[in-house]
Amino acid sequence: MKNVNLFCIVVVLSLVQCKPTPDSSVTASAVDSMASCEMNMPSRYAAVSDSFSGKSVESSTIGMVRIPAGEFMMGADDEKGRPDEYPQHEVKINSFWMDATEVTNAQFKKFVESTGYVTTAEKKPDWEELKKQLPEGTPKPDESLFVAASLVFTNPGHPVSLKDAS
């Protein structure tokens, strides 16, 4: 659970920081021209401000490290990639803050209680948002499948090949 919470916090922080802050040196036109980390993002993955209950929360970077802005090539550049890894494209990311250590369940609970944050796993998927990420004409799954959910990973108790993503 600790790693899941860390992932949630990293995603939340990265979504919040994808948009330039007023003191940012990135111009609006530069932001418009760069690949956004929120392109076609379903609304249930919206930035933190959309998930809060409106409670006032003090912000602090104590215990955090600033990850610098950068560029990288996202996607496969050879025949070994999966179909969803093409085409390879440049992605630019603004700097963002990340906790220097893992987030504990107690810390995440305190965060949720103080902000009213609702995790993606607690939100029902929206078909209109979801289908934006699917090939055109993909049939709508049965409504019973649109439920809030999350994955739980369990140790299989034996070595697993790291070459097999399944």
N, C-alpha and C. Protein backbone atom coordinates (compact mmCIF):
# COMPACT_ATOMS: atom_id res chain seq x y z
N MET A 1 0.83 -1.19 0.00
CA MET A 1 0.00 0.00 0.00
C MET A 1 0.86 1.25 0.00
N LYS A 2 2.02 1.18 0.66
CA LYS A 2 2.90 2.33 0.73
C LYS A 2 3.34 2.76 -0.67
N ASN A 3 3.69 1.80 -1.52
CA ASN A 3 4.13 2.13 -2.87
C ASN A 3 2.99 2.70 -3.71
N VAL A 4 1.77 2.18 -3.52
CA VAL A 4 0.61 2.71 -4.23
C VAL A 4 0.40 4.16 -3.82
N ASN A 5 0.49 4.44 -2.52
CA ASN A 5 0.31 5.82 -2.05
C ASN A 5 1.39 6.73 -2.61
N LEU A 6 2.62 6.27 -2.65
CA LEU A 6 3.71 7.06 -3.21
C LEU A 6 3.40 7.37 -4.66
N PHE A 7 2.94 6.37 -5.41
CA PHE A 7 2.59 6.59 -6.81
C PHE A 7 1.50 7.65 -6.93
N CYS A 8 0.47 7.55 -6.08
CA CYS A 8 -0.62 8.54 -6.12
C CYS A 8 -0.10 9.94 -5.87
N ILE A 9 0.77 10.10 -4.87
CA ILE A 9 1.30 11.42 -4.55
C ILE A 9 2.15 11.94 -5.70
N VAL A 10 2.98 11.07 -6.30
CA VAL A 10 3.82 11.49 -7.42
C VAL A 10 2.95 11.93 -8.59
N VAL A 11 1.90 11.16 -8.89
CA VAL A 11 1.01 11.53 -9.99
C VAL A 11 0.34 12.86 -9.69
N VAL A 12 -0.16 13.01 -8.48
CA VAL A 12 -0.81 14.26 -8.10
C VAL A 12 0.15 15.43 -8.24
N LEU A 13 1.36 15.28 -7.70
CA LEU A 13 2.33 16.37 -7.78
C LEU A 13 2.71 16.68 -9.22
N SER A 14 2.88 15.65 -10.04
CA SER A 14 3.27 15.90 -11.42
C SER A 14 2.16 16.57 -12.20
N LEU A 15 0.90 16.20 -11.93
CA LEU A 15 -0.20 16.85 -12.62
C LEU A 15 -0.32 18.31 -12.21
N VAL A 16 -0.14 18.58 -10.94
CA VAL A 16 -0.22 19.96 -10.47
C VAL A 16 0.87 20.80 -11.10
N GLN A 17 2.07 20.24 -11.24
CA GLN A 17 3.21 21.00 -11.72
C GLN A 17 3.32 21.03 -13.24
N CYS A 18 2.45 20.35 -13.98
CA CYS A 18 2.54 20.39 -15.43
C CYS A 18 2.23 21.77 -15.96
N LYS A 19 1.43 22.52 -15.24
CA LYS A 19 1.10 23.87 -15.65
C LYS A 19 2.10 24.83 -15.03
N PRO A 20 2.59 25.79 -15.80
CA PRO A 20 3.61 26.68 -15.25
C PRO A 20 3.06 27.54 -14.13
N THR A 21 3.89 27.81 -13.18
CA THR A 21 3.52 28.70 -12.09
C THR A 21 3.78 30.13 -12.53
N PRO A 22 3.18 31.12 -11.87
CA PRO A 22 3.36 32.51 -12.29
C PRO A 22 4.82 32.93 -12.39
N ASP A 23 5.70 32.34 -11.59
CA ASP A 23 7.10 32.74 -11.64
C ASP A 23 7.90 31.92 -12.64
N SER A 24 7.22 31.07 -13.39
CA SER A 24 7.90 30.20 -14.34
C SER A 24 8.43 31.01 -15.52
N SER A 25 9.54 30.57 -16.05
CA SER A 25 10.12 31.24 -17.21
C SER A 25 9.54 30.70 -18.51
N VAL A 26 8.66 29.69 -18.44
CA VAL A 26 8.06 29.13 -19.63
C VAL A 26 6.91 30.03 -20.06
N THR A 27 6.90 30.43 -21.32
CA THR A 27 5.84 31.30 -21.81
C THR A 27 4.60 30.49 -22.13
N ALA A 28 3.45 31.16 -22.21
CA ALA A 28 2.20 30.48 -22.50
C ALA A 28 2.26 29.80 -23.86
N SER A 29 2.87 30.46 -24.86
CA SER A 29 2.95 29.86 -26.18
C SER A 29 3.83 28.61 -26.16
N ALA A 30 4.87 28.62 -25.35
CA ALA A 30 5.73 27.45 -25.24
C ALA A 30 4.97 26.30 -24.61
N VAL A 31 4.15 26.61 -23.63
CA VAL A 31 3.35 25.56 -22.98
C VAL A 31 2.37 24.99 -23.96
N ASP A 32 1.72 25.85 -24.77
CA ASP A 32 0.75 25.38 -25.75
C ASP A 32 1.40 24.46 -26.78
N SER A 33 2.67 24.70 -27.10
CA SER A 33 3.31 23.92 -28.14
C SER A 33 3.93 22.62 -27.62
N MET A 34 4.07 22.49 -26.31
CA MET A 34 4.69 21.26 -25.79
C MET A 34 3.65 20.19 -25.54
N ALA A 35 4.11 18.96 -25.56
CA ALA A 35 3.22 17.84 -25.26
C ALA A 35 2.84 17.93 -23.79
N SER A 36 1.57 18.07 -23.52
CA SER A 36 1.10 18.22 -22.15
C SER A 36 0.95 16.87 -21.49
N CYS A 37 1.29 16.80 -20.21
CA CYS A 37 1.12 15.54 -19.49
C CYS A 37 -0.34 15.30 -19.18
N GLU A 38 -1.22 16.24 -19.53
CA GLU A 38 -2.64 16.07 -19.27
C GLU A 38 -3.45 15.89 -20.55
N MET A 39 -2.76 15.72 -21.71
CA MET A 39 -3.48 15.56 -22.97
C MET A 39 -4.40 14.35 -22.89
N ASN A 40 -5.65 14.55 -23.25
CA ASN A 40 -6.64 13.47 -23.29
C ASN A 40 -6.74 12.71 -21.97
N MET A 41 -6.40 13.36 -20.88
CA MET A 41 -6.45 12.72 -19.57
C MET A 41 -7.90 12.66 -19.10
N PRO A 42 -8.38 11.47 -18.72
CA PRO A 42 -9.75 11.39 -18.21
C PRO A 42 -9.93 12.31 -17.00
N SER A 43 -11.12 12.83 -16.84
CA SER A 43 -11.38 13.80 -15.77
C SER A 43 -11.13 13.20 -14.39
N ARG A 44 -11.24 11.88 -14.25
CA ARG A 44 -10.99 11.30 -12.92
C ARG A 44 -9.53 11.36 -12.54
N TYR A 45 -8.65 11.72 -13.48
CA TYR A 45 -7.24 11.91 -13.21
C TYR A 45 -6.90 13.40 -13.12
N ALA A 46 -7.89 14.22 -12.93
CA ALA A 46 -7.69 15.66 -12.94
C ALA A 46 -6.70 16.11 -11.87
N ALA A 47 -6.17 17.30 -12.08
CA ALA A 47 -5.20 17.85 -11.13
C ALA A 47 -5.81 17.98 -9.75
N VAL A 48 -4.97 18.09 -8.77
CA VAL A 48 -5.37 18.11 -7.37
C VAL A 48 -6.49 19.10 -7.10
N SER A 49 -6.42 20.28 -7.69
CA SER A 49 -7.41 21.31 -7.37
C SER A 49 -8.82 20.85 -7.71
N ASP A 50 -8.99 19.96 -8.68
CA ASP A 50 -10.31 19.45 -9.02
C ASP A 50 -10.78 18.39 -8.05
N SER A 51 -9.87 17.82 -7.27
CA SER A 51 -10.22 16.72 -6.38
C SER A 51 -10.45 17.15 -4.95
N PHE A 52 -10.04 18.35 -4.61
CA PHE A 52 -10.16 18.81 -3.23
C PHE A 52 -11.59 19.19 -2.90
N SER A 53 -11.91 19.12 -1.66
CA SER A 53 -13.24 19.48 -1.22
C SER A 53 -13.38 20.98 -1.00
N GLY A 54 -12.31 21.69 -1.25
CA GLY A 54 -12.34 23.13 -1.06
C GLY A 54 -11.72 23.57 0.24
N LYS A 55 -11.25 22.62 1.06
CA LYS A 55 -10.62 22.98 2.32
C LYS A 55 -9.33 23.73 2.05
N SER A 56 -9.02 24.70 2.88
CA SER A 56 -7.78 25.44 2.75
C SER A 56 -6.64 24.60 3.32
N VAL A 57 -5.57 24.46 2.54
CA VAL A 57 -4.45 23.63 2.95
C VAL A 57 -3.16 24.42 2.78
N GLU A 58 -2.32 24.40 3.82
CA GLU A 58 -1.02 25.05 3.70
C GLU A 58 -0.09 24.15 2.91
N SER A 59 0.72 24.76 2.07
CA SER A 59 1.65 24.02 1.24
C SER A 59 3.06 24.18 1.79
N SER A 60 3.82 23.11 1.74
CA SER A 60 5.19 23.14 2.21
C SER A 60 6.04 22.21 1.37
N THR A 61 7.29 22.58 1.17
CA THR A 61 8.21 21.71 0.44
C THR A 61 9.24 21.09 1.39
N ILE A 62 8.98 21.18 2.69
CA ILE A 62 9.88 20.57 3.67
C ILE A 62 9.87 19.06 3.44
N GLY A 63 11.06 18.47 3.38
CA GLY A 63 11.17 17.03 3.18
C GLY A 63 11.03 16.62 1.72
N MET A 64 11.05 17.61 0.82
CA MET A 64 10.89 17.32 -0.59
C MET A 64 12.13 17.75 -1.37
N VAL A 65 12.26 17.21 -2.56
CA VAL A 65 13.33 17.62 -3.46
C VAL A 65 12.69 18.11 -4.76
N ARG A 66 13.32 19.11 -5.36
CA ARG A 66 12.79 19.64 -6.61
C ARG A 66 13.38 18.83 -7.77
N ILE A 67 12.51 18.31 -8.59
CA ILE A 67 12.93 17.58 -9.78
C ILE A 67 12.96 18.60 -10.91
N PRO A 68 14.12 18.77 -11.55
CA PRO A 68 14.23 19.82 -12.57
C PRO A 68 13.41 19.52 -13.83
N ALA A 69 13.07 20.58 -14.53
CA ALA A 69 12.37 20.45 -15.81
C ALA A 69 13.28 19.70 -16.78
N GLY A 70 12.69 19.09 -17.74
CA GLY A 70 13.51 18.38 -18.73
C GLY A 70 12.70 17.91 -19.91
N GLU A 71 13.40 17.30 -20.82
CA GLU A 71 12.80 16.75 -22.03
C GLU A 71 13.28 15.31 -22.18
N PHE A 72 12.43 14.47 -22.74
CA PHE A 72 12.84 13.11 -23.03
C PHE A 72 12.02 12.58 -24.18
N MET A 73 12.52 11.53 -24.80
CA MET A 73 11.80 10.88 -25.88
C MET A 73 10.96 9.76 -25.28
N MET A 74 9.65 9.87 -25.42
CA MET A 74 8.73 8.87 -24.89
C MET A 74 8.30 7.95 -26.03
N GLY A 75 8.35 6.66 -25.77
CA GLY A 75 7.89 5.69 -26.75
C GLY A 75 9.02 4.84 -27.27
N ALA A 76 8.65 3.80 -27.99
CA ALA A 76 9.62 2.85 -28.52
C ALA A 76 10.31 3.41 -29.76
N ASP A 77 11.59 3.04 -29.91
CA ASP A 77 12.33 3.46 -31.10
C ASP A 77 12.84 2.26 -31.89
N ASP A 78 12.29 1.08 -31.59
CA ASP A 78 12.68 -0.12 -32.32
C ASP A 78 11.47 -1.03 -32.46
N GLU A 79 11.65 -2.19 -33.09
CA GLU A 79 10.54 -3.11 -33.34
C GLU A 79 10.10 -3.88 -32.10
N LYS A 80 10.78 -3.69 -30.98
CA LYS A 80 10.45 -4.44 -29.76
C LYS A 80 9.33 -3.79 -28.94
N GLY A 81 8.92 -2.59 -29.33
CA GLY A 81 7.89 -1.88 -28.56
C GLY A 81 6.50 -2.47 -28.78
N ARG A 82 5.63 -2.22 -27.82
CA ARG A 82 4.23 -2.60 -27.96
C ARG A 82 3.54 -1.59 -28.88
N PRO A 83 2.42 -1.94 -29.48
CA PRO A 83 1.74 -1.02 -30.40
C PRO A 83 1.40 0.34 -29.76
N ASP A 84 1.12 0.34 -28.45
CA ASP A 84 0.74 1.61 -27.81
C ASP A 84 1.95 2.46 -27.44
N GLU A 85 3.16 2.04 -27.81
CA GLU A 85 4.36 2.81 -27.51
C GLU A 85 4.84 3.63 -28.70
N TYR A 86 4.06 3.66 -29.78
CA TYR A 86 4.42 4.41 -30.97
C TYR A 86 3.42 5.53 -31.19
N PRO A 87 3.76 6.61 -31.85
CA PRO A 87 5.11 6.93 -32.30
C PRO A 87 5.93 7.51 -31.15
N GLN A 88 7.23 7.37 -31.26
CA GLN A 88 8.09 8.00 -30.26
C GLN A 88 7.97 9.51 -30.45
N HIS A 89 7.91 10.24 -29.33
CA HIS A 89 7.73 11.69 -29.42
C HIS A 89 8.40 12.37 -28.24
N GLU A 90 8.76 13.62 -28.45
CA GLU A 90 9.41 14.39 -27.40
C GLU A 90 8.37 14.87 -26.38
N VAL A 91 8.70 14.75 -25.12
CA VAL A 91 7.84 15.23 -24.04
C VAL A 91 8.66 16.19 -23.20
N LYS A 92 8.07 17.33 -22.88
CA LYS A 92 8.71 18.32 -22.03
C LYS A 92 7.94 18.38 -20.73
N ILE A 93 8.65 18.37 -19.62
CA ILE A 93 8.02 18.37 -18.30
C ILE A 93 8.56 19.54 -17.50
N ASN A 94 7.66 20.28 -16.88
CA ASN A 94 8.07 21.35 -15.97
C ASN A 94 8.67 20.73 -14.71
N SER A 95 9.42 21.49 -13.98
CA SER A 95 9.95 20.98 -12.72
C SER A 95 8.81 20.74 -11.75
N PHE A 96 9.05 19.85 -10.78
CA PHE A 96 8.03 19.57 -9.77
C PHE A 96 8.70 19.11 -8.51
N TRP A 97 7.94 19.08 -7.42
CA TRP A 97 8.45 18.67 -6.11
C TRP A 97 8.03 17.24 -5.84
N MET A 98 8.93 16.46 -5.22
CA MET A 98 8.63 15.08 -4.86
C MET A 98 9.18 14.82 -3.46
N ASP A 99 8.43 14.06 -2.68
CA ASP A 99 8.92 13.69 -1.36
C ASP A 99 10.25 12.97 -1.48
N ALA A 100 11.17 13.26 -0.58
CA ALA A 100 12.49 12.63 -0.59
C ALA A 100 12.41 11.19 -0.10
N THR A 101 11.37 10.86 0.65
CA THR A 101 11.19 9.51 1.15
C THR A 101 9.80 9.02 0.78
N GLU A 102 9.58 7.73 0.96
CA GLU A 102 8.27 7.18 0.67
C GLU A 102 7.21 7.79 1.58
N VAL A 103 6.00 7.86 1.09
CA VAL A 103 4.88 8.36 1.87
C VAL A 103 4.28 7.18 2.62
N THR A 104 4.13 7.31 3.92
CA THR A 104 3.55 6.22 4.71
C THR A 104 2.03 6.27 4.62
N ASN A 105 1.39 5.20 5.00
CA ASN A 105 -0.07 5.18 5.04
C ASN A 105 -0.59 6.25 5.99
N ALA A 106 0.08 6.44 7.12
CA ALA A 106 -0.35 7.45 8.10
C ALA A 106 -0.25 8.85 7.49
N GLN A 107 0.84 9.12 6.76
CA GLN A 107 0.99 10.43 6.13
C GLN A 107 -0.08 10.64 5.05
N PHE A 108 -0.34 9.61 4.27
CA PHE A 108 -1.35 9.73 3.23
C PHE A 108 -2.74 9.94 3.84
N LYS A 109 -3.02 9.24 4.95
CA LYS A 109 -4.30 9.40 5.64
C LYS A 109 -4.45 10.84 6.13
N LYS A 110 -3.39 11.39 6.68
CA LYS A 110 -3.42 12.78 7.16
C LYS A 110 -3.68 13.73 5.99
N PHE A 111 -3.02 13.49 4.86
CA PHE A 111 -3.22 14.30 3.65
C PHE A 111 -4.68 14.24 3.20
N VAL A 112 -5.24 13.04 3.13
CA VAL A 112 -6.63 12.87 2.70
C VAL A 112 -7.58 13.57 3.65
N GLU A 113 -7.37 13.40 4.96
CA GLU A 113 -8.24 14.02 5.95
C GLU A 113 -8.15 15.54 5.92
N SER A 114 -6.97 16.09 5.66
CA SER A 114 -6.82 17.54 5.68
C SER A 114 -7.26 18.21 4.38
N THR A 115 -7.34 17.45 3.29
CA THR A 115 -7.69 18.06 2.00
C THR A 115 -9.01 17.59 1.43
N GLY A 116 -9.48 16.44 1.87
CA GLY A 116 -10.68 15.87 1.26
C GLY A 116 -10.39 15.20 -0.07
N TYR A 117 -9.12 14.94 -0.36
CA TYR A 117 -8.71 14.34 -1.62
C TYR A 117 -9.41 12.99 -1.83
N VAL A 118 -9.85 12.77 -3.05
CA VAL A 118 -10.47 11.51 -3.43
C VAL A 118 -9.56 10.87 -4.48
N THR A 119 -9.10 9.66 -4.23
CA THR A 119 -8.19 9.00 -5.15
C THR A 119 -8.90 8.55 -6.42
N THR A 120 -8.14 8.35 -7.47
CA THR A 120 -8.67 7.85 -8.74
C THR A 120 -9.42 6.54 -8.52
N ALA A 121 -8.89 5.69 -7.67
CA ALA A 121 -9.50 4.39 -7.42
C ALA A 121 -10.89 4.52 -6.79
N GLU A 122 -11.20 5.68 -6.23
CA GLU A 122 -12.50 5.89 -5.59
C GLU A 122 -13.51 6.56 -6.53
N LYS A 123 -13.09 6.85 -7.75
CA LYS A 123 -13.96 7.55 -8.70
C LYS A 123 -14.44 6.59 -9.79
N LYS A 124 -15.72 6.66 -10.07
CA LYS A 124 -16.29 5.84 -11.13
C LYS A 124 -15.78 6.35 -12.48
N PRO A 125 -15.30 5.46 -13.35
CA PRO A 125 -14.84 5.91 -14.68
C PRO A 125 -15.99 6.50 -15.49
N ASP A 126 -15.68 7.52 -16.28
CA ASP A 126 -16.65 8.19 -17.14
C ASP A 126 -16.39 7.74 -18.57
N TRP A 127 -17.37 7.06 -19.19
CA TRP A 127 -17.19 6.52 -20.53
C TRP A 127 -16.83 7.61 -21.54
N GLU A 128 -17.44 8.78 -21.46
CA GLU A 128 -17.14 9.86 -22.42
C GLU A 128 -15.67 10.27 -22.35
N GLU A 129 -15.11 10.26 -21.16
CA GLU A 129 -13.68 10.60 -21.00
C GLU A 129 -12.80 9.42 -21.40
N LEU A 130 -13.19 8.23 -21.01
CA LEU A 130 -12.39 7.04 -21.27
C LEU A 130 -12.25 6.77 -22.77
N LYS A 131 -13.34 6.94 -23.53
CA LYS A 131 -13.28 6.59 -24.94
C LYS A 131 -12.37 7.52 -25.74
N LYS A 132 -12.01 8.67 -25.18
CA LYS A 132 -11.07 9.56 -25.86
C LYS A 132 -9.69 8.91 -26.00
N GLN A 133 -9.41 7.94 -25.15
CA GLN A 133 -8.11 7.25 -25.18
C GLN A 133 -8.16 5.94 -25.96
N LEU A 134 -9.32 5.60 -26.49
CA LEU A 134 -9.49 4.32 -27.18
C LEU A 134 -9.64 4.53 -28.68
N PRO A 135 -9.37 3.50 -29.48
CA PRO A 135 -9.57 3.63 -30.93
C PRO A 135 -11.02 3.98 -31.24
N GLU A 136 -11.22 4.82 -32.26
CA GLU A 136 -12.57 5.22 -32.65
C GLU A 136 -13.40 3.98 -32.96
N GLY A 137 -14.63 3.99 -32.50
CA GLY A 137 -15.53 2.87 -32.75
C GLY A 137 -15.49 1.78 -31.70
N THR A 138 -14.64 1.93 -30.69
CA THR A 138 -14.58 0.93 -29.63
C THR A 138 -15.95 0.87 -28.95
N PRO A 139 -16.55 -0.32 -28.88
CA PRO A 139 -17.88 -0.40 -28.25
C PRO A 139 -17.80 -0.13 -26.75
N LYS A 140 -18.88 0.46 -26.24
CA LYS A 140 -18.96 0.76 -24.80
C LYS A 140 -19.14 -0.54 -24.03
N PRO A 141 -18.30 -0.76 -23.01
CA PRO A 141 -18.49 -1.96 -22.17
C PRO A 141 -19.79 -1.86 -21.38
N ASP A 142 -20.21 -2.99 -20.84
CA ASP A 142 -21.41 -3.02 -20.03
C ASP A 142 -21.28 -2.04 -18.86
N GLU A 143 -22.34 -1.34 -18.55
CA GLU A 143 -22.35 -0.33 -17.48
C GLU A 143 -21.90 -0.90 -16.15
N SER A 144 -22.10 -2.20 -15.93
CA SER A 144 -21.71 -2.82 -14.66
C SER A 144 -20.20 -2.80 -14.45
N LEU A 145 -19.44 -2.59 -15.53
CA LEU A 145 -17.98 -2.55 -15.42
C LEU A 145 -17.46 -1.18 -15.01
N PHE A 146 -18.31 -0.16 -15.05
CA PHE A 146 -17.88 1.19 -14.69
C PHE A 146 -18.05 1.40 -13.19
N VAL A 147 -17.09 0.89 -12.45
CA VAL A 147 -17.09 1.02 -11.00
C VAL A 147 -15.73 1.52 -10.54
N ALA A 148 -15.73 2.20 -9.42
CA ALA A 148 -14.46 2.62 -8.82
C ALA A 148 -13.70 1.36 -8.45
N ALA A 149 -12.39 1.35 -8.71
CA ALA A 149 -11.61 0.14 -8.44
C ALA A 149 -10.13 0.45 -8.38
N SER A 150 -9.37 -0.51 -7.90
CA SER A 150 -7.92 -0.41 -7.88
C SER A 150 -7.35 -1.81 -8.01
N LEU A 151 -6.06 -1.87 -8.26
CA LEU A 151 -5.39 -3.15 -8.36
C LEU A 151 -4.65 -3.45 -7.07
N VAL A 152 -4.58 -4.70 -6.73
CA VAL A 152 -3.80 -5.14 -5.58
C VAL A 152 -2.79 -6.15 -6.09
N PHE A 153 -1.54 -5.89 -5.81
CA PHE A 153 -0.49 -6.80 -6.25
C PHE A 153 -0.09 -7.69 -5.08
N THR A 154 -0.04 -8.97 -5.33
CA THR A 154 0.37 -9.91 -4.29
C THR A 154 1.62 -10.64 -4.76
N ASN A 155 2.50 -10.91 -3.84
CA ASN A 155 3.72 -11.63 -4.12
C ASN A 155 3.38 -13.06 -4.49
N PRO A 156 3.84 -13.56 -5.66
CA PRO A 156 3.49 -14.92 -6.05
C PRO A 156 4.23 -15.99 -5.24
N GLY A 157 5.24 -15.57 -4.46
CA GLY A 157 5.95 -16.53 -3.63
C GLY A 157 7.04 -17.31 -4.35
N HIS A 158 7.31 -16.92 -5.59
CA HIS A 158 8.37 -17.57 -6.36
C HIS A 158 8.98 -16.55 -7.31
N PRO A 159 10.20 -16.80 -7.76
CA PRO A 159 10.84 -15.84 -8.69
C PRO A 159 10.02 -15.68 -9.97
N VAL A 160 9.96 -14.47 -10.48
CA VAL A 160 9.22 -14.17 -11.70
C VAL A 160 10.19 -13.48 -12.66
N SER A 161 10.16 -13.88 -13.91
CA SER A 161 11.04 -13.29 -14.92
C SER A 161 10.67 -11.83 -15.11
N LEU A 162 11.65 -10.96 -15.07
CA LEU A 162 11.42 -9.53 -15.28
C LEU A 162 11.25 -9.20 -16.76
N LYS A 163 11.40 -10.19 -17.62
CA LYS A 163 11.21 -10.00 -19.06
C LYS A 163 9.75 -10.17 -19.46
N ASP A 164 8.92 -10.62 -18.54
CA ASP A 164 7.50 -10.86 -18.80
C ASP A 164 6.69 -9.82 -18.02
N ALA A 165 6.14 -8.83 -18.74
CA ALA A 165 5.40 -7.75 -18.09
C ALA A 165 4.08 -8.20 -17.49
N SER A 166 3.60 -9.38 -17.90
CA SER A 166 2.30 -9.84 -17.37
C SER A 166 2.43 -10.29 -15.94
